[in-house]
Amino acid sequence: MKSTSITTTNNSQLKSLLSLCGYFGALIGLYLVSGLVLADGGGQDLGKVAQNITGTMTNVAKLITAASYVAGVGFALMGMLKFKAHKDNPQQVPLSQPIVLLAIAAGLVFLPSLITTTGATVFGSSAKNATSQGGNVEGTE
């Protein structure tokens, strides 16, 4: 019995030691990679880092816009196919299903313009926006 408790204690100590080494390894890895990720370690100031983030956000806005349009067209096609399925067999496909799909499609197609309008409402028209057309656009005052 004594040997079982000793091995259990050694196993728990070994697990805690391995987890501690894992934490320190992760911290050292983050420290070494932080120069590459954040500011390239080349003496960049906070303004240049902010410009990098703004450029990245412009690309993210383009990605969201493209995905929204593609998903909206896909949902519209699915809605039309469900209308045909409802016409062929009304007992199997309820009418609410294609109507909901078309409503989702309309929402996804108009999402980019809705985001632009909401951003102007929340942050004001003089705020700089990362638009889906690329680049920063200054609003009118």
N, C-alpha and C. Protein backbone atom coordinates (compact mmCIF):
# COMPACT_ATOMS: atom_id res chain seq x y z
N MET A 1 0.81 -1.20 0.00
CA MET A 1 0.00 0.00 0.00
C MET A 1 0.85 1.26 0.00
N LYS A 2 1.97 1.19 0.68
CA LYS A 2 2.80 2.36 0.77
C LYS A 2 3.40 2.72 -0.59
N SER A 3 3.75 1.72 -1.39
CA SER A 3 4.34 1.99 -2.70
C SER A 3 3.31 2.62 -3.63
N THR A 4 2.03 2.29 -3.49
CA THR A 4 0.99 2.88 -4.32
C THR A 4 0.83 4.37 -4.02
N SER A 5 0.86 4.73 -2.74
CA SER A 5 0.73 6.13 -2.38
C SER A 5 1.96 6.94 -2.81
N ILE A 6 3.12 6.30 -2.78
CA ILE A 6 4.34 6.99 -3.21
C ILE A 6 4.29 7.25 -4.71
N THR A 7 3.87 6.27 -5.50
CA THR A 7 3.80 6.46 -6.95
C THR A 7 2.73 7.48 -7.31
N THR A 8 1.63 7.50 -6.55
CA THR A 8 0.59 8.50 -6.80
C THR A 8 1.12 9.90 -6.52
N THR A 9 1.88 10.05 -5.44
CA THR A 9 2.47 11.34 -5.10
C THR A 9 3.49 11.75 -6.16
N ASN A 10 4.32 10.80 -6.62
CA ASN A 10 5.31 11.10 -7.65
C ASN A 10 4.63 11.48 -8.95
N ASN A 11 3.53 10.79 -9.30
CA ASN A 11 2.80 11.11 -10.53
C ASN A 11 2.19 12.51 -10.46
N SER A 12 1.62 12.87 -9.33
CA SER A 12 1.02 14.20 -9.22
C SER A 12 2.09 15.28 -9.24
N GLN A 13 3.25 15.02 -8.61
CA GLN A 13 4.34 15.98 -8.66
C GLN A 13 4.89 16.11 -10.08
N LEU A 14 4.97 14.98 -10.80
CA LEU A 14 5.46 15.01 -12.17
C LEU A 14 4.50 15.78 -13.07
N LYS A 15 3.19 15.58 -12.87
CA LYS A 15 2.20 16.31 -13.66
C LYS A 15 2.27 17.80 -13.39
N SER A 16 2.42 18.19 -12.13
CA SER A 16 2.50 19.61 -11.82
C SER A 16 3.79 20.22 -12.37
N LEU A 17 4.88 19.47 -12.33
CA LEU A 17 6.14 19.95 -12.87
C LEU A 17 6.04 20.12 -14.39
N LEU A 18 5.41 19.16 -15.08
CA LEU A 18 5.25 19.26 -16.53
C LEU A 18 4.34 20.42 -16.92
N SER A 19 3.28 20.63 -16.15
CA SER A 19 2.40 21.76 -16.47
C SER A 19 3.10 23.08 -16.23
N LEU A 20 3.92 23.17 -15.19
CA LEU A 20 4.69 24.38 -14.93
C LEU A 20 5.69 24.64 -16.06
N CYS A 21 6.37 23.59 -16.52
CA CYS A 21 7.30 23.74 -17.65
C CYS A 21 6.54 24.15 -18.92
N GLY A 22 5.35 23.61 -19.09
CA GLY A 22 4.54 24.00 -20.25
C GLY A 22 4.16 25.46 -20.21
N TYR A 23 3.78 25.96 -19.04
CA TYR A 23 3.45 27.38 -18.90
C TYR A 23 4.65 28.27 -19.21
N PHE A 24 5.81 27.91 -18.64
CA PHE A 24 7.00 28.72 -18.90
C PHE A 24 7.40 28.64 -20.37
N GLY A 25 7.26 27.47 -20.97
CA GLY A 25 7.57 27.33 -22.38
C GLY A 25 6.67 28.19 -23.25
N ALA A 26 5.38 28.23 -22.90
CA ALA A 26 4.45 29.07 -23.65
C ALA A 26 4.79 30.55 -23.48
N LEU A 27 5.14 30.97 -22.28
CA LEU A 27 5.51 32.37 -22.06
C LEU A 27 6.77 32.74 -22.82
N ILE A 28 7.75 31.86 -22.83
CA ILE A 28 8.98 32.14 -23.57
C ILE A 28 8.69 32.19 -25.07
N GLY A 29 7.86 31.28 -25.55
CA GLY A 29 7.48 31.29 -26.96
C GLY A 29 6.76 32.56 -27.34
N LEU A 30 5.84 33.02 -26.51
CA LEU A 30 5.14 34.27 -26.78
C LEU A 30 6.09 35.46 -26.77
N TYR A 31 7.05 35.43 -25.87
CA TYR A 31 8.02 36.53 -25.81
C TYR A 31 8.86 36.57 -27.08
N LEU A 32 9.28 35.41 -27.55
CA LEU A 32 10.12 35.37 -28.74
C LEU A 32 9.34 35.73 -30.01
N VAL A 33 8.07 35.39 -30.06
CA VAL A 33 7.26 35.65 -31.24
C VAL A 33 6.66 37.05 -31.21
N SER A 34 6.60 37.67 -30.07
CA SER A 34 5.94 38.97 -29.95
C SER A 34 6.58 40.04 -30.84
N GLY A 35 7.88 39.98 -31.03
CA GLY A 35 8.53 40.93 -31.91
C GLY A 35 8.06 40.77 -33.35
N LEU A 36 7.81 39.56 -33.77
CA LEU A 36 7.33 39.33 -35.12
C LEU A 36 5.87 39.74 -35.28
N VAL A 37 5.08 39.49 -34.27
CA VAL A 37 3.64 39.71 -34.38
C VAL A 37 3.27 41.16 -34.17
N LEU A 38 3.78 41.78 -33.15
CA LEU A 38 3.29 43.09 -32.76
C LEU A 38 3.94 44.23 -33.53
N ALA A 39 5.22 44.44 -33.35
CA ALA A 39 5.83 45.63 -33.93
C ALA A 39 7.08 45.31 -34.73
N ASP A 40 7.32 44.03 -34.97
CA ASP A 40 8.46 43.59 -35.75
C ASP A 40 9.78 43.91 -35.07
N GLY A 41 9.75 44.41 -33.86
CA GLY A 41 10.95 44.65 -33.10
C GLY A 41 11.90 45.65 -33.73
N GLY A 42 11.47 46.37 -34.75
CA GLY A 42 12.34 47.28 -35.46
C GLY A 42 12.20 48.71 -35.02
N GLY A 43 11.89 48.97 -33.81
CA GLY A 43 11.78 50.32 -33.32
C GLY A 43 10.52 51.04 -33.78
N GLN A 44 9.46 50.29 -34.04
CA GLN A 44 8.22 50.94 -34.45
C GLN A 44 7.52 51.52 -33.24
N ASP A 45 6.89 52.65 -33.45
CA ASP A 45 6.16 53.27 -32.35
C ASP A 45 4.69 52.82 -32.39
N LEU A 46 3.94 53.32 -31.46
CA LEU A 46 2.56 52.91 -31.32
C LEU A 46 1.71 53.33 -32.52
N GLY A 47 2.05 54.45 -33.15
CA GLY A 47 1.31 54.91 -34.32
C GLY A 47 1.43 53.94 -35.49
N LYS A 48 2.65 53.41 -35.70
CA LYS A 48 2.84 52.45 -36.79
C LYS A 48 2.12 51.14 -36.50
N VAL A 49 2.11 50.73 -35.26
CA VAL A 49 1.38 49.53 -34.90
C VAL A 49 -0.11 49.74 -35.14
N ALA A 50 -0.62 50.91 -34.80
CA ALA A 50 -2.04 51.22 -35.04
C ALA A 50 -2.35 51.24 -36.54
N GLN A 51 -1.42 51.74 -37.36
CA GLN A 51 -1.62 51.72 -38.80
C GLN A 51 -1.66 50.30 -39.33
N ASN A 52 -0.83 49.42 -38.80
CA ASN A 52 -0.85 48.02 -39.20
C ASN A 52 -2.19 47.38 -38.85
N ILE A 53 -2.69 47.69 -37.67
CA ILE A 53 -3.97 47.12 -37.25
C ILE A 53 -5.10 47.66 -38.12
N THR A 54 -5.05 48.95 -38.45
CA THR A 54 -6.07 49.55 -39.31
C THR A 54 -6.05 48.92 -40.69
N GLY A 55 -4.87 48.66 -41.23
CA GLY A 55 -4.77 47.99 -42.53
C GLY A 55 -5.34 46.59 -42.48
N THR A 56 -5.10 45.90 -41.38
CA THR A 56 -5.65 44.55 -41.22
C THR A 56 -7.17 44.61 -41.11
N MET A 57 -7.69 45.60 -40.40
CA MET A 57 -9.14 45.72 -40.26
C MET A 57 -9.81 46.03 -41.60
N THR A 58 -9.12 46.74 -42.48
CA THR A 58 -9.67 46.99 -43.81
C THR A 58 -9.84 45.68 -44.56
N ASN A 59 -8.84 44.81 -44.44
CA ASN A 59 -8.94 43.50 -45.10
C ASN A 59 -10.02 42.64 -44.47
N VAL A 60 -10.20 42.75 -43.16
CA VAL A 60 -11.26 42.00 -42.49
C VAL A 60 -12.62 42.50 -42.96
N ALA A 61 -12.76 43.81 -43.15
CA ALA A 61 -14.03 44.36 -43.64
C ALA A 61 -14.33 43.85 -45.05
N LYS A 62 -13.29 43.76 -45.88
CA LYS A 62 -13.49 43.20 -47.22
C LYS A 62 -13.92 41.74 -47.15
N LEU A 63 -13.32 40.98 -46.26
CA LEU A 63 -13.66 39.57 -46.12
C LEU A 63 -15.10 39.40 -45.65
N ILE A 64 -15.51 40.19 -44.67
CA ILE A 64 -16.89 40.10 -44.17
C ILE A 64 -17.87 40.49 -45.26
N THR A 65 -17.55 41.50 -46.04
CA THR A 65 -18.43 41.93 -47.13
C THR A 65 -18.58 40.84 -48.17
N ALA A 66 -17.47 40.26 -48.59
CA ALA A 66 -17.53 39.21 -49.61
C ALA A 66 -18.27 37.99 -49.10
N ALA A 67 -17.99 37.58 -47.88
CA ALA A 67 -18.68 36.41 -47.31
C ALA A 67 -20.17 36.68 -47.16
N SER A 68 -20.53 37.90 -46.81
CA SER A 68 -21.93 38.25 -46.65
C SER A 68 -22.68 38.16 -47.97
N TYR A 69 -22.06 38.70 -49.04
CA TYR A 69 -22.70 38.64 -50.35
C TYR A 69 -22.84 37.20 -50.84
N VAL A 70 -21.79 36.41 -50.70
CA VAL A 70 -21.83 35.02 -51.17
C VAL A 70 -22.86 34.22 -50.38
N ALA A 71 -22.88 34.39 -49.06
CA ALA A 71 -23.85 33.67 -48.24
C ALA A 71 -25.27 34.13 -48.54
N GLY A 72 -25.45 35.43 -48.79
CA GLY A 72 -26.78 35.95 -49.13
C GLY A 72 -27.31 35.35 -50.42
N VAL A 73 -26.46 35.27 -51.44
CA VAL A 73 -26.89 34.66 -52.70
C VAL A 73 -27.18 33.17 -52.50
N GLY A 74 -26.37 32.50 -51.71
CA GLY A 74 -26.61 31.08 -51.42
C GLY A 74 -27.94 30.86 -50.71
N PHE A 75 -28.22 31.68 -49.72
CA PHE A 75 -29.50 31.54 -49.02
C PHE A 75 -30.68 31.86 -49.94
N ALA A 76 -30.49 32.83 -50.85
CA ALA A 76 -31.57 33.14 -51.79
C ALA A 76 -31.85 31.96 -52.72
N LEU A 77 -30.79 31.32 -53.21
CA LEU A 77 -30.98 30.14 -54.05
C LEU A 77 -31.64 29.01 -53.28
N MET A 78 -31.22 28.81 -52.03
CA MET A 78 -31.85 27.77 -51.21
C MET A 78 -33.32 28.08 -50.99
N GLY A 79 -33.65 29.35 -50.77
CA GLY A 79 -35.04 29.74 -50.58
C GLY A 79 -35.88 29.46 -51.81
N MET A 80 -35.32 29.76 -52.99
CA MET A 80 -36.08 29.48 -54.22
C MET A 80 -36.28 27.99 -54.43
N LEU A 81 -35.25 27.21 -54.12
CA LEU A 81 -35.40 25.76 -54.24
C LEU A 81 -36.44 25.22 -53.24
N LYS A 82 -36.48 25.80 -52.06
CA LYS A 82 -37.48 25.37 -51.07
C LYS A 82 -38.90 25.77 -51.50
N PHE A 83 -39.02 26.92 -52.22
CA PHE A 83 -40.34 27.27 -52.75
C PHE A 83 -40.80 26.22 -53.75
N LYS A 84 -39.89 25.75 -54.60
CA LYS A 84 -40.25 24.71 -55.55
C LYS A 84 -40.59 23.41 -54.83
N ALA A 85 -39.81 23.08 -53.80
CA ALA A 85 -40.09 21.87 -53.02
C ALA A 85 -41.45 21.98 -52.33
N HIS A 86 -41.81 23.16 -51.86
CA HIS A 86 -43.12 23.35 -51.24
C HIS A 86 -44.23 23.20 -52.28
N LYS A 87 -43.99 23.71 -53.49
CA LYS A 87 -45.00 23.58 -54.56
C LYS A 87 -45.19 22.11 -54.91
N ASP A 88 -44.10 21.33 -54.96
CA ASP A 88 -44.20 19.92 -55.31
C ASP A 88 -44.83 19.10 -54.20
N ASN A 89 -44.51 19.38 -52.96
CA ASN A 89 -45.03 18.60 -51.84
C ASN A 89 -45.26 19.52 -50.64
N PRO A 90 -46.44 20.16 -50.55
CA PRO A 90 -46.68 21.12 -49.45
C PRO A 90 -46.71 20.48 -48.06
N GLN A 91 -47.00 19.19 -47.99
CA GLN A 91 -47.05 18.52 -46.68
C GLN A 91 -45.65 18.33 -46.10
N GLN A 92 -44.66 18.16 -46.98
CA GLN A 92 -43.30 17.89 -46.52
C GLN A 92 -42.53 19.16 -46.15
N VAL A 93 -42.69 20.23 -46.94
CA VAL A 93 -41.93 21.47 -46.72
C VAL A 93 -42.91 22.58 -46.37
N PRO A 94 -42.86 23.12 -45.15
CA PRO A 94 -43.76 24.21 -44.80
C PRO A 94 -43.39 25.50 -45.53
N LEU A 95 -44.36 26.36 -45.74
CA LEU A 95 -44.14 27.61 -46.46
C LEU A 95 -43.23 28.57 -45.70
N SER A 96 -43.18 28.44 -44.40
CA SER A 96 -42.36 29.35 -43.60
C SER A 96 -40.87 29.15 -43.86
N GLN A 97 -40.46 27.95 -44.24
CA GLN A 97 -39.04 27.68 -44.44
C GLN A 97 -38.44 28.50 -45.59
N PRO A 98 -39.02 28.52 -46.79
CA PRO A 98 -38.42 29.37 -47.84
C PRO A 98 -38.53 30.86 -47.55
N ILE A 99 -39.57 31.27 -46.84
CA ILE A 99 -39.72 32.69 -46.51
C ILE A 99 -38.60 33.12 -45.54
N VAL A 100 -38.31 32.28 -44.57
CA VAL A 100 -37.23 32.59 -43.63
C VAL A 100 -35.89 32.61 -44.34
N LEU A 101 -35.66 31.66 -45.26
CA LEU A 101 -34.40 31.64 -46.00
C LEU A 101 -34.23 32.91 -46.84
N LEU A 102 -35.29 33.37 -47.47
CA LEU A 102 -35.20 34.60 -48.26
C LEU A 102 -35.00 35.83 -47.37
N ALA A 103 -35.59 35.83 -46.19
CA ALA A 103 -35.38 36.95 -45.26
C ALA A 103 -33.92 36.98 -44.79
N ILE A 104 -33.35 35.82 -44.52
CA ILE A 104 -31.93 35.75 -44.13
C ILE A 104 -31.05 36.22 -45.28
N ALA A 105 -31.40 35.82 -46.51
CA ALA A 105 -30.64 36.24 -47.69
C ALA A 105 -30.66 37.76 -47.84
N ALA A 106 -31.83 38.36 -47.66
CA ALA A 106 -31.93 39.82 -47.77
C ALA A 106 -31.09 40.49 -46.69
N GLY A 107 -31.13 39.96 -45.49
CA GLY A 107 -30.32 40.53 -44.41
C GLY A 107 -28.84 40.43 -44.69
N LEU A 108 -28.39 39.31 -45.23
CA LEU A 108 -26.96 39.15 -45.52
C LEU A 108 -26.51 40.03 -46.68
N VAL A 109 -27.37 40.22 -47.68
CA VAL A 109 -26.99 41.06 -48.82
C VAL A 109 -26.88 42.53 -48.38
N PHE A 110 -27.74 42.97 -47.48
CA PHE A 110 -27.72 44.36 -47.03
C PHE A 110 -26.85 44.59 -45.80
N LEU A 111 -26.19 43.56 -45.30
CA LEU A 111 -25.36 43.69 -44.10
C LEU A 111 -24.22 44.69 -44.25
N PRO A 112 -23.45 44.71 -45.35
CA PRO A 112 -22.35 45.69 -45.45
C PRO A 112 -22.82 47.13 -45.39
N SER A 113 -23.91 47.46 -46.06
CA SER A 113 -24.40 48.84 -45.99
C SER A 113 -24.97 49.14 -44.61
N LEU A 114 -25.54 48.15 -43.96
CA LEU A 114 -26.06 48.33 -42.61
C LEU A 114 -24.92 48.60 -41.62
N ILE A 115 -23.79 47.90 -41.80
CA ILE A 115 -22.64 48.12 -40.92
C ILE A 115 -22.10 49.53 -41.09
N THR A 116 -22.00 50.00 -42.35
CA THR A 116 -21.51 51.35 -42.61
C THR A 116 -22.42 52.39 -41.97
N THR A 117 -23.74 52.22 -42.13
CA THR A 117 -24.69 53.16 -41.56
C THR A 117 -24.66 53.15 -40.04
N THR A 118 -24.58 51.96 -39.47
CA THR A 118 -24.52 51.84 -38.01
C THR A 118 -23.24 52.47 -37.47
N GLY A 119 -22.12 52.26 -38.16
CA GLY A 119 -20.86 52.87 -37.73
C GLY A 119 -20.93 54.39 -37.75
N ALA A 120 -21.57 54.94 -38.78
CA ALA A 120 -21.71 56.40 -38.84
C ALA A 120 -22.63 56.91 -37.74
N THR A 121 -23.64 56.12 -37.39
CA THR A 121 -24.56 56.52 -36.34
C THR A 121 -23.90 56.48 -34.97
N VAL A 122 -23.16 55.41 -34.69
CA VAL A 122 -22.57 55.23 -33.37
C VAL A 122 -21.35 56.13 -33.17
N PHE A 123 -20.46 56.18 -34.16
CA PHE A 123 -19.20 56.90 -33.98
C PHE A 123 -19.21 58.28 -34.60
N GLY A 124 -20.27 58.67 -35.26
CA GLY A 124 -20.35 59.99 -35.88
C GLY A 124 -19.82 59.95 -37.30
N SER A 125 -20.17 60.94 -38.06
CA SER A 125 -19.78 60.94 -39.47
C SER A 125 -18.36 61.42 -39.68
N SER A 126 -17.72 61.99 -38.66
CA SER A 126 -16.35 62.48 -38.83
C SER A 126 -15.32 61.41 -38.47
N ALA A 127 -15.77 60.24 -38.03
CA ALA A 127 -14.83 59.18 -37.66
C ALA A 127 -14.28 58.52 -38.92
N LYS A 128 -13.04 58.02 -38.82
CA LYS A 128 -12.45 57.30 -39.94
C LYS A 128 -12.99 55.88 -39.91
N ASN A 129 -13.36 55.39 -41.08
CA ASN A 129 -13.94 54.05 -41.19
C ASN A 129 -13.03 53.17 -42.03
N ALA A 130 -12.96 51.89 -41.67
CA ALA A 130 -12.34 50.89 -42.53
C ALA A 130 -13.44 50.36 -43.42
N THR A 131 -13.43 50.76 -44.68
CA THR A 131 -14.54 50.42 -45.56
C THR A 131 -14.24 49.14 -46.32
N SER A 132 -15.27 48.59 -46.92
CA SER A 132 -15.12 47.38 -47.69
C SER A 132 -14.51 47.66 -49.06
N GLN A 133 -14.44 48.94 -49.47
CA GLN A 133 -13.82 49.27 -50.75
C GLN A 133 -12.31 49.38 -50.61
N GLY A 134 -11.80 49.35 -49.41
CA GLY A 134 -10.36 49.43 -49.17
C GLY A 134 -9.93 50.84 -48.83
N GLY A 135 -9.02 50.94 -47.93
CA GLY A 135 -8.52 52.26 -47.53
C GLY A 135 -9.40 52.90 -46.48
N ASN A 136 -8.89 53.96 -45.93
CA ASN A 136 -9.62 54.70 -44.91
C ASN A 136 -10.33 55.85 -45.58
N VAL A 137 -11.56 56.07 -45.23
CA VAL A 137 -12.35 57.13 -45.80
C VAL A 137 -12.75 58.06 -44.68
N GLU A 138 -12.47 59.36 -44.82
CA GLU A 138 -12.88 60.31 -43.80
C GLU A 138 -14.26 60.82 -44.15
N GLY A 139 -15.13 60.81 -43.16
CA GLY A 139 -16.48 61.31 -43.38
C GLY A 139 -16.52 62.82 -43.43
N THR A 140 -17.63 63.33 -43.86
CA THR A 140 -17.80 64.78 -43.91
C THR A 140 -18.30 65.27 -42.57
N GLU A 141 -17.96 66.49 -42.26
CA GLU A 141 -18.40 67.03 -40.97
C GLU A 141 -19.60 67.92 -41.15
